[in-house]
C-alpha cells in the first residue's frame, strides 16, 4: 500500500496510507466545490467535480493522491478568488 503523508499529531509520526488520506483530500475538494456553487460559479464547480471524480474513482495510489491534492489546491484557490474582498481578509 502506498504511503503519501505523515501524521503530524502522532508522537511516532505514523505514516498514512492513500486509503486514509484520499477521502480527506476528496472532502476538501467537495467543500471548495460547495463554496464555488454558493458563490454562483456552478460551471467551474462542475468542472472541478468531474476532475475530482475522475481521480477518486480510479486506482488509489500515490499518483492519485498527488493529482487529487492538485485538484483540491486549484478548487480552493478558485473559491477564494471569487469570495468578496472582505471575506478574503478574514480568512
Protein backbone atom coordinates (compact mmCIF):
# COMPACT_ATOMS: atom_id res chain seq x y z
CA UNK A 1 0.00 0.00 0.00
CA UNK A 2 1.42 3.40 -0.97
CA UNK A 3 2.39 5.88 1.72
CA UNK A 4 1.71 9.52 0.90
CA UNK A 5 1.94 11.61 4.05
CA UNK A 6 2.98 11.61 7.65
CA UNK A 7 0.64 12.23 10.56
CA UNK A 8 1.86 15.30 12.40
CA UNK A 9 -0.21 14.78 15.53
CA UNK A 10 1.28 11.39 16.28
CA UNK A 11 4.23 11.01 18.62
CA UNK A 12 5.54 8.24 16.41
CA UNK A 13 4.89 10.12 13.15
CA UNK A 14 2.95 7.13 11.84
CA UNK A 15 2.73 7.03 8.07
CA UNK A 16 -0.67 7.39 6.48
CA UNK A 17 -1.75 5.31 3.52
CA UNK A 18 -3.58 6.51 0.43
CA UNK A 19 -6.73 4.84 1.76
CA UNK A 20 -6.52 7.08 4.83
CA UNK A 21 -5.68 10.33 3.07
CA UNK A 22 -7.57 10.26 -0.22
CA UNK A 23 -11.04 10.58 1.39
CA UNK A 24 -9.81 13.62 3.37
CA UNK A 25 -8.50 15.33 0.27
CA UNK A 26 -11.69 14.49 -1.61
CA UNK A 27 -13.71 16.09 1.22
CA UNK A 28 -11.60 19.28 0.83
CA UNK A 29 -12.46 19.34 -2.88
CA UNK A 30 -16.16 18.84 -2.17
CA UNK A 31 -16.15 21.63 0.42
CA UNK A 32 -14.48 24.02 -2.04
CA UNK A 33 -16.93 22.98 -4.78
CA UNK A 34 -19.80 23.78 -2.44
CA UNK A 35 -18.29 27.25 -1.83
CA UNK A 36 -17.99 27.84 -5.59
CA UNK A 37 -21.63 26.86 -6.08
CA UNK A 38 -22.72 29.13 -3.23
CA UNK A 39 -20.77 31.97 -4.85
CA UNK A 40 -22.65 31.34 -8.11
CA UNK A 41 -19.95 29.70 -10.23
CA UNK A 42 -21.69 26.42 -10.94
CA UNK A 43 -19.86 25.79 -14.23
CA UNK A 44 -16.44 25.97 -12.62
CA UNK A 45 -17.69 23.84 -9.72
CA UNK A 46 -18.92 21.22 -12.19
CA UNK A 47 -15.53 21.12 -13.94
CA UNK A 48 -13.73 20.57 -10.64
CA UNK A 49 -16.28 17.93 -9.62
CA UNK A 50 -15.65 15.97 -12.83
CA UNK A 51 -11.87 16.19 -12.31
CA UNK A 52 -12.15 15.03 -8.68
CA UNK A 53 -14.47 12.14 -9.52
CA UNK A 54 -12.16 11.03 -12.31
CA UNK A 55 -9.23 10.77 -9.88
CA UNK A 56 -11.18 9.44 -6.89
CA UNK A 57 -12.91 6.69 -8.86
CA UNK A 58 -9.62 5.39 -10.28
CA UNK A 59 -6.87 3.45 -8.60
CA UNK A 60 -5.87 4.67 -5.16
CA UNK A 61 -2.12 5.14 -5.26
CA UNK A 62 0.42 7.89 -4.58
CA UNK A 63 -0.08 9.33 -8.05
CA UNK A 64 -3.82 9.61 -7.44
CA UNK A 65 -3.18 11.31 -4.12
CA UNK A 66 -0.97 13.93 -5.79
CA UNK A 67 -3.44 14.51 -8.62
CA UNK A 68 -6.36 14.90 -6.20
CA UNK A 69 -4.28 17.19 -3.98
CA UNK A 70 -3.67 19.35 -7.07
CA UNK A 71 -7.41 19.46 -7.77
CA UNK A 72 -8.03 20.43 -4.13
CA UNK A 73 -5.50 23.26 -4.26
CA UNK A 74 -6.90 24.61 -7.53
CA UNK A 75 -10.52 24.33 -6.34
CA UNK A 76 -9.77 26.08 -3.04
CA UNK A 77 -7.91 28.86 -4.89
CA UNK A 78 -10.81 29.30 -7.31
CA UNK A 79 -13.28 29.57 -4.43
CA UNK A 80 -11.05 32.06 -2.57
CA UNK A 81 -10.68 34.22 -5.68
CA UNK A 82 -14.45 34.54 -6.01
CA UNK A 83 -15.18 35.44 -2.41
CA UNK A 84 -15.91 39.08 -1.65
CA UNK A 85 -12.78 41.02 -0.62
CA UNK A 86 -13.99 41.41 2.99
CA UNK A 87 -14.28 37.63 3.45
CA UNK A 88 -10.79 37.11 1.98
CA UNK A 89 -9.23 39.36 4.63
CA UNK A 90 -10.96 37.50 7.47
CA UNK A 91 -9.93 34.05 6.19
